[in-house]
Every structure is written in C-alpha cells, then in structure tokens.
Amino acid sequence: MIRIVLLAGLGWLSLASASAGDPGTHVRSVDPLTVQDDDFARHRDPAEWKGLKVSRIEFREERAAWRLWRIANVRRRAGPLWFVPHDNENAGFEAGLAAVRKYGGTLIAVDAGVANDGIRMNQAVDYGRPIDPNRNFDGALPGYARRILADLEPGMPVIALHTNARGFDTGESRCNQSDPLGQGVISIRYCDDVLTPSPSQGRAWPWDDDDTVAFATYRPKQSPSTAFCRDRMVAADFNVVQERVVASDGSLSNYAVLHGLKYLNFETLDRGDDAEGLSEGRRRLLHIIDRALALCAPKVKPRA
C-alpha cells in the first residue's frame, strides 16, 4: 500500500513539472472581455471575471498545434482542476466557468480555434486526421497531459465536464438494443465489456435523463467499488457508468485511473446553444458538481 501511494505521488510530481516556464510552451495573459472566441463572447460582463486570471497557452507536439485557455481563481488557487476538452460542448464551458468561481482551482478548456472555432476536433494538424482532445492522453505524447494537468493540486480531484448527443449506438450495446438509435456510448442504458451502468432508481432531476451520467473508472482485477467515489455516488442515486479500464483509449478518464488520480467525469445531454439550452445544461452539471463535491471531496467548499 505504501509503495502504491509513493508511486502515485511521484506520478503527480512528474505531471506538475510542466510549468508555464516550459520552453516549448507560450503563455500569455489575456483580457477575457476582448478574447475573440465564442465561449468568451457569451461572457462580456466584467463582474463574471472578478478574481479570475485568464491565460492563453499554446504549444506544439508531434503533428499538432494546441491552444488552451487557463482560467485560474487567484483568490482560491487550492481547488479542483476543471477540464473542458471539447470546444463545441458549450454547456460544459458554462458550468466550468461557474464552478471555478464558486469552488476555486483552475479551469483548462481546449480551444479548437487554432484552425476553426467552436468544433469538437483539433484540425490544426500537419498531416493525418483531426485529433480528439480527449483521446490525446498518450504516453507517447507526454507534453499534452503535462500541460493539461500542470495546475493539479495534490489531493484535489480532476473534474471533466461534457455534453453529449441523445441516446446511444444500439448496434454496439449489449443491452437495450431495441431503444431508438442514437450516437456513441454515453447513456445510462448502454453496456458492453467496458461500460456497466448503475442507473438511478428514483430518477429524480437531474437523473431523469438517460444521457446525464457520472463516470467511475477502475482497473481490471478490481471491483467497481474501488473507483473514486463510486460507492458514494451510487448510494446518492446518481446515474453512474462504471468504466473498466484495461488499456488506455487516450481519454483523461483512462489516463487518470492508470496514474492514480482522483477523477470525476460528468456528462449531460446537449440541449442546444441558445440561452435556454445552455442554461439547462449548466444547471444540471452544477447540481451534480455541488452534490458530488459534498460526497467525494468535502474539503472543497463553495465560496462564502
């Protein structure tokens, strides 16, 4: 047990060694009221940025150019590391911005605008296919993970925020194959050899929606109960997708469990980018964040 703890600590130190002084990284402070980006354009009220410092981080690794937005709560630096990997999942950014104000820490959001703004994939590549920012946590590309996780405080969780399409690909699922055909695998009704659902029994809001889920990742030869906060989320009647990680698929959820990081991933249905749709997505994610932090990281307190 002592050896495992030491290894996890050393792993964290190696991640945290990627600082703003990294010669391959270009960091510039920016005024969020003037940033030409769709996420920032929705937030032109100076009051929203009080106490926050925003930086643009740019670097290249292998065949890709990357741009990240770093939004740090300068009054409460000791907080979670919030992560929004997909530039088109706007309710995730909305919730992340509200959460870093409320709970402190740092928000890292991937900006696809190096090539095109507000899209899912990074198209700023020298050759080959565009890159999914949540499939680039690869041991062969260590710089990406180091830069994403550089602000992670010891003992604090990483909290990823996503939105997703309705339903799931019934052809890939081992259960509920008669459901209406959807996309992907993000649903509490989807299951396969890797993903096992533990659905909410009461179906109270926000778990009334099959596409609103929390992920709990664990390693093979272990039980789902070993996943960070899994048992507490199940007991609190969350929709919990239990993910068995055999070999990394390049996602942060897989990377985190293989490196001993405390990791939470919350997803909700993409309800559109109008004011009503963004508001509902943000409300659902923030409700989950509030409840999960109280259960899983009670030392992280909301601002007074």
Protein backbone atom coordinates (compact mmCIF):
# COMPACT_ATOMS: atom_id res chain seq x y z
CA MET A 1 0.00 0.00 0.00
CA ILE A 2 2.84 2.41 0.90
CA ARG A 3 4.52 1.69 -2.43
CA ILE A 4 1.30 2.44 -4.33
CA VAL A 5 0.90 5.78 -2.54
CA LEU A 6 4.51 6.71 -3.25
CA LEU A 7 4.17 5.84 -6.92
CA ALA A 8 1.01 7.90 -7.20
CA GLY A 9 2.79 10.83 -5.57
CA LEU A 10 5.77 10.56 -7.91
CA GLY A 11 3.39 10.37 -10.87
CA TRP A 12 1.75 13.58 -9.75
CA LEU A 13 5.10 15.34 -9.37
CA SER A 14 6.08 14.38 -12.93
CA LEU A 15 2.81 15.81 -14.22
CA ALA A 16 3.13 19.01 -12.22
CA SER A 17 6.64 19.63 -13.55
CA ALA A 18 5.13 21.06 -16.74
CA SER A 19 5.01 24.73 -15.82
CA ALA A 20 4.38 27.95 -17.65
CA GLY A 21 8.19 28.24 -17.94
CA ASP A 22 8.41 25.22 -20.21
CA PRO A 23 10.42 26.47 -23.24
CA GLY A 24 8.06 24.68 -25.62
CA THR A 25 5.03 26.46 -24.18
CA HIS A 26 3.93 30.01 -24.97
CA VAL A 27 1.81 31.54 -22.22
CA ARG A 28 0.20 34.97 -22.45
CA SER A 29 -2.20 36.71 -20.08
CA VAL A 30 -5.32 37.88 -21.88
CA ASP A 31 -8.27 40.15 -21.19
CA PRO A 32 -11.34 37.87 -21.23
CA LEU A 33 -13.54 40.79 -22.27
CA THR A 34 -11.71 41.09 -25.58
CA VAL A 35 -10.89 37.47 -26.46
CA GLN A 36 -12.25 36.60 -29.89
CA ASP A 37 -13.74 33.24 -29.04
CA ASP A 38 -17.34 32.05 -28.90
CA ASP A 39 -17.11 30.92 -25.26
CA PHE A 40 -15.75 34.26 -24.09
CA ALA A 41 -18.14 36.21 -26.30
CA ARG A 42 -21.00 34.91 -24.16
CA HIS A 43 -19.38 36.47 -21.08
CA ARG A 44 -18.66 40.16 -21.59
CA ASP A 45 -19.74 41.26 -18.12
CA PRO A 46 -16.63 42.27 -16.11
CA ALA A 47 -18.29 41.02 -12.91
CA GLU A 48 -18.07 37.44 -14.19
CA TRP A 49 -14.28 37.65 -14.31
CA LYS A 50 -13.65 39.27 -10.95
CA GLY A 51 -10.99 37.29 -9.12
CA LEU A 52 -10.10 35.21 -12.19
CA LYS A 53 -6.91 35.33 -14.26
CA VAL A 54 -7.07 34.13 -17.86
CA SER A 55 -4.11 32.91 -19.89
CA ARG A 56 -3.73 31.53 -23.40
CA ILE A 57 -1.38 28.55 -23.57
CA GLU A 58 -0.04 27.47 -26.96
CA PHE A 59 2.34 24.65 -27.83
CA ARG A 60 3.12 22.08 -30.48
CA GLU A 61 3.58 18.38 -30.03
CA GLU A 62 4.31 15.90 -32.77
CA ARG A 63 1.92 16.71 -35.64
CA ALA A 64 -0.45 19.10 -33.86
CA ALA A 65 -0.66 22.68 -32.64
CA TRP A 66 -2.67 23.20 -29.46
CA ARG A 67 -4.29 26.14 -27.69
CA LEU A 68 -5.65 26.01 -24.16
CA TRP A 69 -7.48 28.57 -22.06
CA ARG A 70 -6.36 28.60 -18.44
CA ILE A 71 -8.81 30.31 -16.07
CA ALA A 72 -7.43 30.45 -12.52
CA ASN A 73 -9.21 31.61 -9.40
CA VAL A 74 -6.47 33.82 -7.95
CA ARG A 75 -8.24 34.08 -4.59
CA ARG A 76 -8.73 30.33 -4.20
CA ARG A 77 -5.98 28.53 -6.06
CA ALA A 78 -6.36 25.37 -3.96
CA GLY A 79 -9.33 23.76 -5.68
CA PRO A 80 -10.21 21.17 -8.31
CA LEU A 81 -8.75 21.09 -11.77
CA TRP A 82 -11.73 21.60 -14.08
CA PHE A 83 -11.36 20.31 -17.64
CA VAL A 84 -13.48 21.01 -20.73
CA PRO A 85 -11.87 19.14 -23.63
CA HIS A 86 -14.38 19.78 -26.40
CA ASP A 87 -14.83 23.30 -27.76
CA ASN A 88 -18.30 22.52 -29.12
CA GLU A 89 -19.69 21.39 -25.75
CA ASN A 90 -20.65 24.87 -24.65
CA ALA A 91 -22.72 24.00 -21.59
CA GLY A 92 -19.60 22.30 -20.22
CA PHE A 93 -17.70 25.58 -20.50
CA GLU A 94 -20.61 27.44 -18.89
CA ALA A 95 -20.61 25.06 -15.93
CA GLY A 96 -16.81 25.07 -15.65
CA LEU A 97 -16.66 28.86 -15.51
CA ALA A 98 -19.32 28.97 -12.80
CA ALA A 99 -17.61 26.15 -10.88
CA VAL A 100 -14.15 27.73 -10.82
CA ARG A 101 -15.69 30.91 -9.46
CA LYS A 102 -17.60 29.00 -6.80
CA TYR A 103 -15.08 26.37 -5.71
CA GLY A 104 -11.72 27.76 -6.80
CA GLY A 105 -8.93 25.94 -8.58
CA THR A 106 -8.22 26.19 -12.29
CA LEU A 107 -10.25 25.57 -15.42
CA ILE A 108 -8.47 24.28 -18.53
CA ALA A 109 -10.52 24.45 -21.73
CA VAL A 110 -9.21 23.23 -25.07
CA ASP A 111 -9.72 25.78 -27.85
CA ALA A 112 -10.18 24.30 -31.30
CA GLY A 113 -9.86 27.81 -32.72
CA VAL A 114 -6.28 27.28 -33.85
CA ALA A 115 -7.93 26.09 -37.05
CA ASN A 116 -11.70 26.56 -36.58
CA ASP A 117 -13.53 27.86 -33.54
CA GLY A 118 -16.24 26.00 -31.66
CA ILE A 119 -15.73 22.49 -33.04
CA ARG A 120 -15.02 19.16 -31.36
CA MET A 121 -11.81 18.06 -33.05
CA ASN A 122 -8.45 19.81 -33.31
CA GLN A 123 -7.91 20.32 -37.02
CA ALA A 124 -4.59 22.18 -36.61
CA VAL A 125 -2.53 19.18 -37.70
CA ASP A 126 0.34 18.95 -40.16
CA TYR A 127 -0.92 15.67 -41.59
CA GLY A 128 -3.38 12.91 -40.88
CA ARG A 129 -6.76 13.06 -39.22
CA PRO A 130 -8.02 15.73 -36.82
CA ILE A 131 -7.40 14.86 -33.16
CA ASP A 132 -9.99 14.39 -30.44
CA PRO A 133 -8.65 16.40 -27.46
CA ASN A 134 -9.98 13.70 -25.14
CA ARG A 135 -8.12 10.93 -26.95
CA ASN A 136 -4.68 12.52 -26.81
CA PHE A 137 -3.61 11.42 -23.31
CA ASP A 138 -0.99 9.15 -24.78
CA GLY A 139 2.25 8.01 -23.19
CA ALA A 140 3.98 8.67 -26.50
CA LEU A 141 2.85 12.33 -26.32
CA PRO A 142 3.64 13.27 -22.71
CA GLY A 143 3.64 17.03 -23.22
CA TYR A 144 -0.11 17.22 -23.74
CA ALA A 145 -1.01 15.57 -20.44
CA ARG A 146 1.67 17.52 -18.55
CA ARG A 147 0.31 20.84 -19.74
CA ILE A 148 -3.33 19.93 -19.10
CA LEU A 149 -2.58 18.72 -15.57
CA ALA A 150 0.14 21.19 -14.58
CA ASP A 151 -2.17 23.08 -12.19
CA LEU A 152 -3.48 20.00 -10.40
CA GLU A 153 -3.06 20.49 -6.65
CA PRO A 154 -2.07 17.42 -4.58
CA GLY A 155 -5.12 15.66 -3.22
CA MET A 156 -7.56 17.60 -5.38
CA PRO A 157 -9.82 15.93 -7.96
CA VAL A 158 -9.82 16.42 -11.70
CA ILE A 159 -13.36 17.12 -12.86
CA ALA A 160 -14.15 16.81 -16.56
CA LEU A 161 -17.34 18.35 -17.96
CA HIS A 162 -19.07 17.20 -21.14
CA THR A 163 -22.29 17.34 -23.10
CA ASN A 164 -23.37 14.56 -25.44
CA ALA A 165 -25.88 13.58 -28.11
CA ARG A 166 -29.14 11.87 -27.22
CA GLY A 167 -29.19 8.08 -26.99
CA PHE A 168 -26.52 5.60 -27.99
CA ASP A 169 -25.43 3.33 -30.80
CA THR A 170 -27.66 0.31 -30.19
CA GLY A 171 -25.55 -1.80 -32.55
CA GLU A 172 -22.59 -1.50 -30.17
CA SER A 173 -24.54 -2.13 -26.95
CA ARG A 174 -25.13 -5.46 -25.26
CA CYS A 175 -28.33 -4.23 -23.63
CA ASN A 176 -31.41 -2.18 -24.55
CA GLN A 177 -30.86 -2.82 -28.26
CA SER A 178 -34.49 -2.03 -29.04
CA ASP A 179 -34.05 1.61 -27.97
CA PRO A 180 -34.17 4.34 -30.63
CA LEU A 181 -30.86 4.57 -32.47
CA GLY A 182 -28.55 7.27 -31.15
CA GLN A 183 -24.85 8.04 -31.27
CA GLY A 184 -21.85 6.91 -29.25
CA VAL A 185 -21.90 5.15 -25.90
CA ILE A 186 -22.81 7.88 -23.40
CA SER A 187 -26.07 6.76 -21.84
CA ILE A 188 -27.08 5.01 -18.66
CA ARG A 189 -28.82 2.44 -20.88
CA TYR A 190 -25.66 1.44 -22.76
CA CYS A 191 -23.50 -1.51 -21.72
CA ASP A 192 -20.61 -3.58 -23.07
CA ASP A 193 -17.47 -5.31 -21.77
CA VAL A 194 -16.03 -1.99 -20.57
CA LEU A 195 -19.05 0.09 -19.53
CA THR A 196 -21.55 -1.17 -16.95
CA PRO A 197 -24.47 1.04 -15.92
CA SER A 198 -25.71 1.60 -12.39
CA PRO A 199 -28.88 3.61 -13.07
CA SER A 200 -30.63 5.90 -10.63
CA GLN A 201 -33.60 4.19 -9.03
CA GLY A 202 -35.57 7.31 -8.14
CA ARG A 203 -34.90 9.11 -11.45
CA ALA A 204 -35.09 12.49 -9.70
CA TRP A 205 -33.78 15.53 -11.59
CA PRO A 206 -31.12 15.70 -13.00
CA TRP A 207 -31.02 11.90 -13.28
CA ASP A 208 -34.40 11.83 -15.05
CA ASP A 209 -32.40 12.00 -18.27
CA ASP A 210 -30.69 8.82 -19.59
CA ASP A 211 -27.92 10.97 -21.09
CA THR A 212 -26.94 12.64 -17.81
CA VAL A 213 -24.34 10.41 -16.17
CA ALA A 214 -21.31 10.33 -13.90
CA PHE A 215 -18.37 8.06 -14.75
CA ALA A 216 -16.49 5.91 -12.24
CA THR A 217 -13.33 4.30 -13.61
CA TYR A 218 -11.50 1.32 -12.14
CA ARG A 219 -8.71 -1.05 -13.12
CA PRO A 220 -9.07 -4.69 -14.18
CA LYS A 221 -8.98 -7.33 -11.44
CA GLN A 222 -10.55 -4.73 -9.13
CA SER A 223 -14.19 -4.14 -8.36
CA PRO A 224 -16.19 -1.07 -9.39
CA SER A 225 -16.22 -0.10 -5.71
CA THR A 226 -12.52 0.80 -5.98
CA ALA A 227 -13.35 3.65 -8.38
CA PHE A 228 -13.03 7.09 -6.83
CA CYS A 229 -16.33 7.99 -5.12
CA ARG A 230 -18.27 5.29 -6.96
CA ASP A 231 -19.99 3.85 -3.90
CA ARG A 232 -20.99 7.27 -2.58
CA MET A 233 -22.43 8.33 -5.93
CA VAL A 234 -24.39 5.08 -6.28
CA ALA A 235 -25.70 5.45 -2.72
CA ALA A 236 -26.77 9.01 -3.58
CA ASP A 237 -28.76 7.62 -6.53
CA PHE A 238 -26.67 9.08 -9.37
CA ASN A 239 -26.69 7.59 -12.86
CA VAL A 240 -23.21 6.02 -12.65
CA VAL A 241 -21.42 4.49 -15.62
CA GLN A 242 -18.76 2.12 -14.32
CA GLU A 243 -15.80 2.01 -16.69
CA ARG A 244 -13.34 -0.88 -16.53
CA VAL A 245 -10.01 0.35 -17.87
CA VAL A 246 -7.89 -2.45 -19.33
CA ALA A 247 -5.69 -0.39 -21.67
CA SER A 248 -5.90 3.33 -22.18
CA ASP A 249 -8.07 4.61 -25.03
CA GLY A 250 -6.36 8.01 -24.78
CA SER A 251 -9.10 9.60 -22.69
CA LEU A 252 -8.45 11.51 -19.49
CA SER A 253 -10.67 9.08 -17.58
CA ASN A 254 -8.40 6.21 -18.57
CA TYR A 255 -5.22 8.21 -18.02
CA ALA A 256 -6.36 9.29 -14.56
CA VAL A 257 -7.14 5.82 -13.22
CA LEU A 258 -3.88 4.44 -14.60
CA HIS A 259 -1.94 7.24 -12.87
CA GLY A 260 -3.76 7.14 -9.55
CA LEU A 261 -5.53 10.50 -9.90
CA LYS A 262 -8.85 11.35 -8.29
CA TYR A 263 -11.08 11.82 -11.29
CA LEU A 264 -14.74 12.62 -11.89
CA ASN A 265 -16.46 12.96 -15.24
CA PHE A 266 -19.94 14.46 -15.54
CA GLU A 267 -21.98 14.48 -18.74
CA THR A 268 -25.38 15.81 -19.69
CA LEU A 269 -27.44 16.00 -22.85
CA ASP A 270 -26.55 18.79 -25.26
CA ARG A 271 -29.72 20.89 -25.33
CA GLY A 272 -28.51 23.43 -27.86
CA ASP A 273 -26.59 26.69 -27.75
CA ASP A 274 -29.47 29.10 -27.26
CA ALA A 275 -29.84 30.74 -23.85
CA GLU A 276 -32.39 28.21 -22.63
CA GLY A 277 -30.42 25.16 -23.74
CA LEU A 278 -27.15 26.40 -22.24
CA SER A 279 -28.86 27.37 -19.01
CA GLU A 280 -30.42 23.94 -18.55
CA GLY A 281 -27.15 22.13 -19.32
CA ARG A 282 -25.27 24.39 -16.91
CA ARG A 283 -27.87 23.92 -14.16
CA ARG A 284 -27.72 20.15 -14.41
CA LEU A 285 -23.93 20.00 -14.37
CA LEU A 286 -23.65 22.45 -11.47
CA HIS A 287 -26.19 20.50 -9.45
CA ILE A 288 -24.14 17.33 -9.97
CA ILE A 289 -20.92 19.17 -9.09
CA ASP A 290 -22.39 20.52 -5.85
CA ARG A 291 -23.63 17.13 -4.74
CA ALA A 292 -20.53 15.22 -5.85
CA LEU A 293 -18.06 17.53 -4.14
CA ALA A 294 -20.02 17.30 -0.90
CA LEU A 295 -19.82 13.50 -1.18
CA CYS A 296 -16.39 12.97 -2.71
CA ALA A 297 -14.25 15.98 -1.72
CA PRO A 298 -15.87 17.60 1.31
CA LYS A 299 -12.79 19.75 1.96
CA VAL A 300 -13.63 21.66 -1.23
CA LYS A 301 -16.08 24.27 0.00
CA PRO A 302 -18.16 26.73 -2.02
CA ARG A 303 -17.33 30.39 -1.59
CA ALA A 304 -18.97 32.13 1.32
